[in-house]
Amino acid sequence: MSSAQHRVVIVGGSFAGVNAAYQLKRKLGDRVSVDVISADEAFIFMPSIPWVMMGWREPGRLSVPLARPLGAKGINFVHDRATAIDSAAHTVTTAGGRTLPYDNLVLATGADLDWSNVPGSDPAEGTVHTCFTIEQAVTARAAIRRFLALPRGRAIVGANPGASCIGPAYELIMMLETELRRQKRRHLFDLHLVTPEPFIGHFGVNGIGDVQNMMESEFRSRHLGWTVDAALKGVEPGKATLGDGSEMEFDLALLIPAFFGAQVVRDTESLGNPRGFIPTDQHLRSTAFPEIYAAGVSVAMAPPVPTPVPVGVPKTGHMSEEMAVRAATNIAADLGEGEHVDGLTLPATCIADAGDTAFYIKADPFLPPRNVAVLRKGKWAHYMKGAFERYYLEKIKRDLPSSHFGW
């Protein structure tokens, strides 16, 4: 490695981290050395985790070990956990004792799960299941199979106060309904969405187009119940308690938690906000440390409107990739290669699967007011999501061009 190379360290090996690394190499080639630190050995296609939970996808289909594809592009992969950032010395230290120096640091650290505001909801306690790791999905899959084998059952699916990634809850409740209908046992089960959103289809962004009416119509046609402005305050085996004191009994609980910023960010003085997310300028540069950039879930984004029960702004895989590419583009621009670009006014395309159909949602920009808001429903979107999964895994393996016809 030449001493003249500009050193960039990236923390995170998911949508933001991998795409930032590829973009830096595309823009700067041998002018830059890139280290990617990730506690996970493989990239996981997270949008398909609900399919694993339903038993519709095997976990091994969703992963790409990162060392080989990154290495093929001249990117050094460090399979380790980043534990400390020295913003004065410009170094990152890992759990394994490595110290990596940087000229620029890109934090694509994702988030840590915060179950603390709803006692009893942590899946480690065995009552609730969730969808943020392969291990959680496999455990949930076993619980869903037990639930589907019951003669009758009640499920609550939803999110804790402060949650931002609420979309999977909608997918899961409609997938459960689809599976029960296929078995001709739908009439024996009660399925209920419990969400802090002020209306269904809010998604932390005050809705997109007429999605509220679309979702309400879909839920009515499927005979799904819903409770909005729900402030879950406690969960115990078989029973959830809401903030108004009402109780809901269940045989299966699938919940989305609120997020913290990553521990390494929370441990770095002045880097993150009180919850550990990183305030940035419009170019995704940290407002505290100009040599540090952030991308993906780690970026602090304020909700567009206040809500009676807190709801966070989601960062979809598409948004995370967009931020990563733009952060890398801005690092290149700092070095005289190209122009700086806006990193916070982002489009988003996603597909919410519903088992036997799906919802295609496109928003540009993601936060209102918008120039584009597209909502479509159809079986074609269900198949499109499967096709995109296969394409994206190949993209990670080979750095294929971006294409966001669906998530």
Protein backbone atom coordinates (compact mmCIF):
# COMPACT_ATOMS: atom_id res chain seq x y z
CA MET A 1 0.00 0.00 0.00
CA SER A 2 1.39 3.36 -1.01
CA SER A 3 1.79 5.93 1.75
CA ALA A 4 0.24 8.46 -0.64
CA GLN A 5 -3.07 6.65 -0.61
CA HIS A 6 -5.99 8.35 1.08
CA ARG A 7 -7.12 6.05 3.89
CA VAL A 8 -10.83 5.41 4.37
CA VAL A 9 -12.18 3.12 7.08
CA ILE A 10 -15.82 2.01 6.84
CA VAL A 11 -17.59 0.53 9.85
CA GLY A 12 -20.47 -1.70 8.76
CA GLY A 13 -20.96 -4.46 6.20
CA SER A 14 -24.61 -4.09 5.20
CA PHE A 15 -26.29 -1.96 2.51
CA ALA A 16 -24.52 1.28 3.39
CA GLY A 17 -21.07 -0.07 4.20
CA VAL A 18 -20.62 -2.30 1.16
CA ASN A 19 -21.96 0.26 -1.29
CA ALA A 20 -19.80 3.03 0.17
CA ALA A 21 -16.73 0.84 -0.30
CA TYR A 22 -17.58 -0.02 -3.91
CA GLN A 23 -18.33 3.62 -4.76
CA LEU A 24 -15.03 4.83 -3.29
CA LYS A 25 -13.11 2.37 -5.43
CA ARG A 26 -15.13 3.32 -8.51
CA LYS A 27 -14.42 7.01 -7.94
CA LEU A 28 -10.83 6.93 -6.70
CA GLY A 29 -9.31 3.57 -7.65
CA ASP A 30 -5.78 3.14 -6.34
CA ARG A 31 -5.78 6.66 -4.89
CA VAL A 32 -7.69 5.30 -1.91
CA SER A 33 -7.21 2.41 0.49
CA VAL A 34 -10.47 1.09 1.92
CA ASP A 35 -10.93 -1.04 5.03
CA VAL A 36 -14.40 -2.39 5.83
CA ILE A 37 -14.90 -3.47 9.45
CA SER A 38 -17.91 -5.66 10.13
CA ALA A 39 -18.89 -7.86 13.04
CA ASP A 40 -20.82 -9.99 10.54
CA GLU A 41 -18.88 -12.17 8.13
CA ALA A 42 -21.59 -11.97 5.47
CA PHE A 43 -23.95 -9.46 3.91
CA ILE A 44 -27.58 -10.41 4.68
CA PHE A 45 -30.45 -9.35 2.42
CA MET A 46 -32.62 -8.07 5.26
CA PRO A 47 -35.82 -7.34 3.27
CA SER A 48 -36.38 -11.10 2.92
CA ILE A 49 -36.10 -11.89 6.64
CA PRO A 50 -39.93 -12.08 7.00
CA TRP A 51 -39.94 -14.86 4.39
CA VAL A 52 -37.47 -16.80 6.55
CA MET A 53 -39.79 -16.35 9.52
CA MET A 54 -42.68 -17.79 7.53
CA GLY A 55 -40.59 -20.73 6.35
CA TRP A 56 -40.80 -19.49 2.75
CA ARG A 57 -37.05 -18.92 2.40
CA GLU A 58 -34.01 -20.79 3.69
CA PRO A 59 -31.58 -18.51 5.57
CA GLY A 60 -28.58 -19.57 3.48
CA ARG A 61 -30.15 -18.06 0.37
CA LEU A 62 -29.90 -14.55 1.77
CA SER A 63 -26.20 -14.22 2.59
CA VAL A 64 -23.02 -13.32 0.73
CA PRO A 65 -19.68 -13.79 2.56
CA LEU A 66 -17.91 -10.46 2.12
CA ALA A 67 -14.17 -11.19 2.13
CA ARG A 68 -13.95 -12.49 -1.45
CA PRO A 69 -16.07 -9.89 -3.35
CA LEU A 70 -14.57 -6.98 -1.44
CA GLY A 71 -11.07 -8.37 -1.87
CA ALA A 72 -11.63 -8.70 -5.62
CA LYS A 73 -12.12 -4.90 -5.71
CA GLY A 74 -9.00 -4.22 -3.65
CA ILE A 75 -10.97 -3.58 -0.46
CA ASN A 76 -9.64 -5.00 2.82
CA PHE A 77 -12.32 -6.79 4.83
CA VAL A 78 -11.86 -6.91 8.61
CA HIS A 79 -14.20 -9.42 10.26
CA ASP A 80 -14.28 -7.86 13.71
CA ARG A 81 -16.34 -5.50 15.85
CA ALA A 82 -15.38 -1.85 16.06
CA THR A 83 -15.22 -0.92 19.75
CA ALA A 84 -13.64 2.55 19.90
CA ILE A 85 -13.15 5.62 17.74
CA ASP A 86 -10.36 8.07 18.61
CA SER A 87 -11.50 11.20 16.81
CA ALA A 88 -8.30 13.06 17.72
CA ALA A 89 -5.87 10.36 16.59
CA HIS A 90 -8.12 9.34 13.63
CA THR A 91 -8.14 5.65 14.50
CA VAL A 92 -10.67 2.86 14.96
CA THR A 93 -9.97 0.02 17.40
CA THR A 94 -11.59 -3.40 17.13
CA ALA A 95 -12.50 -6.04 19.71
CA GLY A 96 -9.64 -8.16 18.38
CA GLY A 97 -7.12 -5.46 19.24
CA ARG A 98 -6.51 -4.03 15.77
CA THR A 99 -6.06 -0.28 15.34
CA LEU A 100 -6.84 1.12 11.89
CA PRO A 101 -5.87 4.72 11.01
CA TYR A 102 -8.09 6.81 8.74
CA ASP A 103 -8.15 10.07 6.85
CA ASN A 104 -11.90 9.65 6.45
CA LEU A 105 -14.19 7.44 8.47
CA VAL A 106 -17.59 6.29 7.16
CA LEU A 107 -19.96 5.09 9.85
CA ALA A 108 -22.49 2.69 8.37
CA THR A 109 -23.01 1.07 11.73
CA GLY A 110 -26.74 0.42 11.61
CA ALA A 111 -28.43 0.37 15.01
CA ASP A 112 -28.77 -1.56 18.24
CA LEU A 113 -32.19 -2.79 19.34
CA ASP A 114 -33.75 -1.00 22.32
CA TRP A 115 -36.37 -3.07 24.16
CA SER A 116 -36.03 -1.13 27.39
CA ASN A 117 -39.15 1.04 27.04
CA VAL A 118 -41.47 -2.00 27.01
CA PRO A 119 -40.57 -4.39 29.85
CA GLY A 120 -40.88 -8.03 28.88
CA SER A 121 -40.64 -7.40 25.13
CA ASP A 122 -36.98 -8.38 24.70
CA PRO A 123 -36.94 -11.64 22.67
CA ALA A 124 -34.19 -12.90 24.99
CA GLU A 125 -36.92 -13.31 27.61
CA GLY A 126 -38.75 -15.76 25.37
CA THR A 127 -42.16 -14.09 25.04
CA VAL A 128 -41.76 -11.91 21.95
CA HIS A 129 -40.16 -12.59 18.56
CA THR A 130 -38.62 -10.16 16.07
CA CYS A 131 -36.90 -9.94 12.68
CA PHE A 132 -33.47 -8.26 12.67
CA THR A 133 -31.07 -11.20 12.49
CA ILE A 134 -31.09 -14.62 10.88
CA GLU A 135 -30.99 -16.16 14.35
CA GLN A 136 -34.06 -14.20 15.45
CA ALA A 137 -35.85 -15.17 12.25
CA VAL A 138 -35.16 -18.89 12.73
CA THR A 139 -36.38 -18.75 16.34
CA ALA A 140 -39.49 -16.86 15.21
CA ARG A 141 -40.07 -19.42 12.46
CA ALA A 142 -40.36 -22.18 15.05
CA ALA A 143 -42.79 -20.08 17.09
CA ILE A 144 -44.90 -19.31 14.00
CA ARG A 145 -45.07 -23.02 13.16
CA ARG A 146 -46.31 -23.77 16.68
CA PHE A 147 -48.87 -20.99 16.36
CA LEU A 148 -50.15 -22.25 13.02
CA ALA A 149 -50.55 -25.74 14.52
CA LEU A 150 -52.93 -24.51 17.24
CA PRO A 151 -56.64 -25.32 16.90
CA ARG A 152 -57.33 -21.61 17.48
CA GLY A 153 -55.02 -18.67 18.05
CA ARG A 154 -54.51 -14.96 18.66
CA ALA A 155 -51.51 -13.02 17.39
CA ILE A 156 -50.40 -9.46 17.93
CA VAL A 157 -47.99 -8.03 15.40
CA GLY A 158 -46.63 -4.53 15.62
CA ALA A 159 -44.14 -2.15 17.13
CA ASN A 160 -43.03 -0.60 20.40
CA PRO A 161 -43.14 3.18 20.94
CA GLY A 162 -40.29 4.91 19.12
CA ALA A 163 -39.92 2.18 16.48
CA SER A 164 -38.92 3.30 13.02
CA CYS A 165 -38.65 0.12 10.91
CA ILE A 166 -42.35 -0.75 11.08
CA GLY A 167 -42.83 -2.07 7.53
CA PRO A 168 -41.99 -5.70 8.40
CA ALA A 169 -44.90 -5.78 10.87
CA TYR A 170 -47.32 -5.07 8.02
CA GLU A 171 -45.69 -7.76 5.90
CA LEU A 172 -45.79 -10.34 8.67
CA ILE A 173 -49.44 -9.89 9.63
CA MET A 174 -50.54 -10.14 6.00
CA MET A 175 -48.28 -13.16 5.41
CA LEU A 176 -49.78 -14.89 8.45
CA GLU A 177 -53.25 -14.15 7.12
CA THR A 178 -52.31 -15.51 3.70
CA GLU A 179 -50.90 -18.74 5.14
CA LEU A 180 -53.97 -19.33 7.31
CA ARG A 181 -56.26 -18.69 4.35
CA ARG A 182 -54.29 -21.18 2.25
CA GLN A 183 -54.85 -23.74 5.01
CA LYS A 184 -58.57 -22.82 5.10
CA ARG A 185 -58.21 -22.12 8.84
CA ARG A 186 -58.29 -18.32 8.74
CA HIS A 187 -61.66 -18.22 10.54
CA LEU A 188 -60.08 -19.78 13.63
CA PHE A 189 -57.49 -17.06 14.26
CA ASP A 190 -57.49 -13.43 15.37
CA LEU A 191 -54.69 -11.26 13.96
CA HIS A 192 -54.19 -7.72 15.26
CA LEU A 193 -51.73 -4.93 14.38
CA VAL A 194 -50.55 -2.84 17.35
CA THR A 195 -48.64 0.25 16.25
CA PRO A 196 -47.52 3.62 17.65
CA GLU A 197 -48.38 5.23 14.31
CA PRO A 198 -51.29 7.72 14.32
CA PHE A 199 -52.80 5.87 11.35
CA ILE A 200 -51.94 2.66 9.54
CA GLY A 201 -49.63 3.34 6.63
CA HIS A 202 -47.97 6.26 8.41
CA PHE A 203 -44.62 4.40 8.33
CA GLY A 204 -42.85 7.16 10.27
CA VAL A 205 -43.11 9.58 7.31
CA ASN A 206 -46.72 10.79 7.67
CA GLY A 207 -47.83 8.39 4.95
CA ILE A 208 -47.16 8.32 1.21
CA GLY A 209 -49.95 9.37 -1.13
CA ASP A 210 -53.21 7.66 -0.22
CA VAL A 211 -51.54 4.73 1.52
CA GLN A 212 -53.75 5.11 4.60
CA ASN A 213 -56.93 4.32 2.67
CA MET A 214 -55.15 1.57 0.73
CA MET A 215 -53.97 -0.14 3.92
CA GLU A 216 -57.29 0.27 5.73
CA SER A 217 -59.10 -1.27 2.75
CA GLU A 218 -56.60 -4.16 2.64
CA PHE A 219 -56.89 -4.81 6.37
CA ARG A 220 -60.69 -4.78 6.22
CA SER A 221 -60.75 -7.19 3.29
CA ARG A 222 -58.47 -9.55 5.25
CA HIS A 223 -60.41 -9.06 8.52
CA LEU A 224 -57.31 -7.81 10.32
CA GLY A 225 -57.74 -5.68 13.42
CA TRP A 226 -55.58 -2.68 14.23
CA THR A 227 -54.88 -0.33 17.10
CA VAL A 228 -53.07 2.94 16.34
CA ASP A 229 -51.48 5.42 18.80
CA ALA A 230 -50.64 2.27 20.76
CA ALA A 231 -48.16 2.83 23.56
CA LEU A 232 -47.23 -0.68 24.61
CA LYS A 233 -46.01 -0.49 28.21
CA GLY A 234 -45.41 -4.13 29.11
CA VAL A 235 -45.48 -7.70 27.84
CA GLU A 236 -45.75 -10.92 29.80
CA PRO A 237 -46.39 -14.47 28.60
CA GLY A 238 -49.72 -14.43 26.81
CA LYS A 239 -50.60 -10.80 27.52
CA ALA A 240 -49.61 -7.29 26.38
CA THR A 241 -50.59 -4.14 28.27
CA LEU A 242 -51.13 -0.78 26.58
CA GLY A 243 -50.58 2.67 28.01
CA ASP A 244 -54.30 3.20 28.59
CA GLY A 245 -54.39 0.09 30.79
CA SER A 246 -56.14 -2.13 28.26
CA GLU A 247 -54.83 -5.65 27.78
CA MET A 248 -54.49 -7.90 24.76
CA GLU A 249 -54.10 -11.66 25.07
CA PHE A 250 -52.02 -13.53 22.52
CA ASP A 251 -50.56 -16.88 21.55
CA LEU A 252 -47.93 -15.25 19.30
CA ALA A 253 -46.30 -11.81 19.57
CA LEU A 254 -44.12 -10.37 16.81
CA LEU A 255 -42.82 -6.90 17.66
CA ILE A 256 -40.44 -4.27 16.25
CA PRO A 257 -38.35 -2.35 18.83
CA ALA A 258 -37.07 1.20 18.94
CA PHE A 259 -33.44 1.68 17.91
CA PHE A 260 -30.32 3.03 19.57
CA GLY A 261 -27.34 4.14 17.55
CA ALA A 262 -24.50 1.64 17.57
CA GLN A 263 -22.56 1.23 20.81
CA VAL A 264 -19.30 2.47 19.26
CA VAL A 265 -21.05 5.72 18.33
CA ARG A 266 -22.66 6.09 21.75
CA ASP A 267 -19.23 5.60 23.33
CA THR A 268 -17.62 8.39 21.26
CA GLU A 269 -18.00 11.77 22.92
CA SER A 270 -19.85 14.44 20.89
CA LEU A 271 -20.37 12.16 17.86
CA GLY A 272 -23.99 11.09 18.33
CA ASN A 273 -27.22 12.61 19.64
CA PRO A 274 -28.69 11.36 22.95
CA ARG A 275 -29.86 8.12 21.29
CA GLY A 276 -26.60 7.57 19.47
CA PHE A 277 -27.51 8.67 15.94
CA ILE A 278 -25.13 10.95 14.07
CA PRO A 279 -26.14 14.52 13.19
CA THR A 280 -24.79 15.42 9.75
CA ASP A 281 -24.81 18.28 7.29
CA GLN A 282 -26.48 17.96 3.89
CA HIS A 283 -23.40 16.16 2.54
CA LEU A 284 -23.60 13.48 5.30
CA ARG A 285 -20.55 14.86 7.06
CA SER A 286 -20.66 14.72 10.86
CA THR A 287 -21.44 18.13 12.32
CA ALA A 288 -18.91 17.44 15.09
CA PHE A 289 -16.01 15.87 13.15
CA PRO A 290 -15.52 16.95 9.52
CA GLU A 291 -13.45 13.90 8.58
CA ILE A 292 -16.28 11.53 9.62
CA TYR A 293 -19.23 10.71 7.37
CA ALA A 294 -22.33 8.69 8.18
CA ALA A 295 -24.71 6.66 6.01
CA GLY A 296 -27.79 4.53 6.51
CA VAL A 297 -29.52 3.89 9.82
CA SER A 298 -26.72 5.61 11.76
CA VAL A 299 -27.77 9.05 10.41
CA ALA A 300 -29.96 11.20 12.68
CA MET A 301 -33.22 12.18 10.91
CA ALA A 302 -36.05 14.02 12.63
CA PRO A 303 -39.67 12.89 12.04
CA PRO A 304 -41.52 15.15 9.57
CA VAL A 305 -44.39 15.76 12.02
CA PRO A 306 -44.84 15.09 15.76
CA THR A 307 -47.05 12.14 16.74
CA PRO A 308 -48.91 11.43 19.99
CA VAL A 309 -46.79 8.28 20.50
CA PRO A 310 -43.18 8.51 19.24
CA VAL A 311 -42.51 7.03 15.80
CA GLY A 312 -39.06 7.14 14.19
CA VAL A 313 -38.09 7.80 10.58
CA PRO A 314 -37.16 4.55 8.78
CA LYS A 315 -34.09 4.20 6.61
CA THR A 316 -34.83 1.57 3.99
CA GLY A 317 -32.18 -0.47 2.23
CA HIS A 318 -32.61 1.77 -0.82
CA MET A 319 -32.10 4.90 1.30
CA SER A 320 -29.06 3.38 2.99
CA GLU A 321 -27.49 2.59 -0.37
CA GLU A 322 -28.28 6.08 -1.68
CA MET A 323 -26.68 7.70 1.36
CA ALA A 324 -23.63 5.46 1.11
CA VAL A 325 -23.03 6.25 -2.54
CA ARG A 326 -23.47 9.97 -1.89
CA ALA A 327 -21.19 9.97 1.16
CA ALA A 328 -18.49 8.24 -0.89
CA THR A 329 -19.06 10.66 -3.76
CA ASN A 330 -18.56 13.56 -1.35
CA ILE A 331 -15.32 12.09 0.00
CA ALA A 332 -14.11 11.86 -3.60
CA ALA A 333 -15.21 15.47 -4.16
CA ASP A 334 -13.19 16.50 -1.08
CA LEU A 335 -10.18 15.10 -2.97
CA GLY A 336 -11.01 16.99 -6.14
CA GLU A 337 -12.84 14.19 -7.96
CA GLY A 338 -16.25 15.43 -9.06
CA GLU A 339 -18.82 17.59 -7.28
CA HIS A 340 -20.44 17.35 -3.86
CA VAL A 341 -24.01 16.02 -3.79
CA ASP A 342 -26.97 16.30 -1.42
CA GLY A 343 -27.06 13.28 0.87
CA LEU A 344 -30.31 13.84 2.75
CA THR A 345 -32.91 14.58 0.03
CA LEU A 346 -33.43 10.96 -0.90
CA PRO A 347 -35.78 8.85 -3.02
CA ALA A 348 -37.06 5.53 -1.73
CA THR A 349 -38.56 2.55 -3.51
CA CYS A 350 -39.85 -0.41 -1.55
CA ILE A 351 -42.10 -3.42 -1.88
CA ALA A 352 -44.15 -4.55 1.11
CA ASP A 353 -44.97 -8.20 0.54
CA ALA A 354 -48.38 -9.48 1.60
CA GLY A 355 -48.00 -13.20 0.96
CA ASP A 356 -50.19 -13.56 -2.13
CA THR A 357 -49.76 -10.01 -3.41
CA ALA A 358 -47.55 -7.00 -2.63
CA PHE A 359 -47.53 -3.21 -2.45
CA TYR A 360 -45.10 -1.22 -4.59
CA ILE A 361 -44.31 2.15 -3.00
CA LYS A 362 -42.14 4.87 -4.53
CA ALA A 363 -41.51 8.26 -2.94
CA ASP A 364 -39.20 11.06 -4.10
CA PRO A 365 -38.11 12.57 -1.87
CA PHE A 366 -38.78 10.12 0.93
CA LEU A 367 -39.85 12.81 3.39
CA PRO A 368 -42.75 15.12 2.46
CA PRO A 369 -43.53 17.27 0.55
CA ARG A 370 -42.83 15.07 -2.46
CA ASN A 371 -42.50 15.37 -6.21
CA VAL A 372 -43.41 11.70 -6.72
CA ALA A 373 -45.66 9.36 -4.72
CA VAL A 374 -46.55 6.07 -6.43
CA LEU A 375 -48.65 3.29 -4.87
CA ARG A 376 -49.47 0.08 -6.70
CA LYS A 377 -50.72 -3.33 -5.62
CA GLY A 378 -50.48 -6.63 -7.44
CA LYS A 379 -49.13 -10.15 -7.61
CA TRP A 380 -46.53 -8.82 -10.06
CA ALA A 381 -44.98 -6.83 -7.19
CA HIS A 382 -44.71 -10.01 -5.10
CA TYR A 383 -42.69 -11.66 -7.88
CA MET A 384 -40.70 -8.49 -8.45
CA LYS A 385 -39.50 -8.55 -4.85
CA GLY A 386 -38.25 -12.12 -5.26
CA ALA A 387 -36.45 -11.20 -8.48
CA PHE A 388 -34.87 -8.17 -6.84
CA GLU A 389 -33.59 -10.29 -3.97
CA ARG A 390 -31.70 -12.49 -6.41
CA TYR A 391 -30.40 -9.49 -8.36
CA TYR A 392 -29.20 -7.68 -5.27
CA LEU A 393 -27.26 -10.64 -3.92
CA GLU A 394 -25.46 -10.79 -7.27
CA LYS A 395 -24.88 -7.06 -7.06
CA ILE A 396 -23.10 -7.49 -3.73
CA LYS A 397 -21.03 -10.35 -5.13
CA ARG A 398 -19.96 -8.50 -8.27
CA ASP A 399 -20.65 -4.77 -7.76
CA LEU A 400 -23.37 -4.67 -10.41
CA PRO A 401 -25.04 -1.37 -11.34
CA SER A 402 -27.80 -0.17 -9.02
CA SER A 403 -31.38 -0.88 -10.00
CA HIS A 404 -34.29 -0.05 -7.69
CA PHE A 405 -37.39 -1.38 -9.41
CA GLY A 406 -38.37 -2.81 -6.04
CA TRP A 407 -37.46 -3.80 -2.48
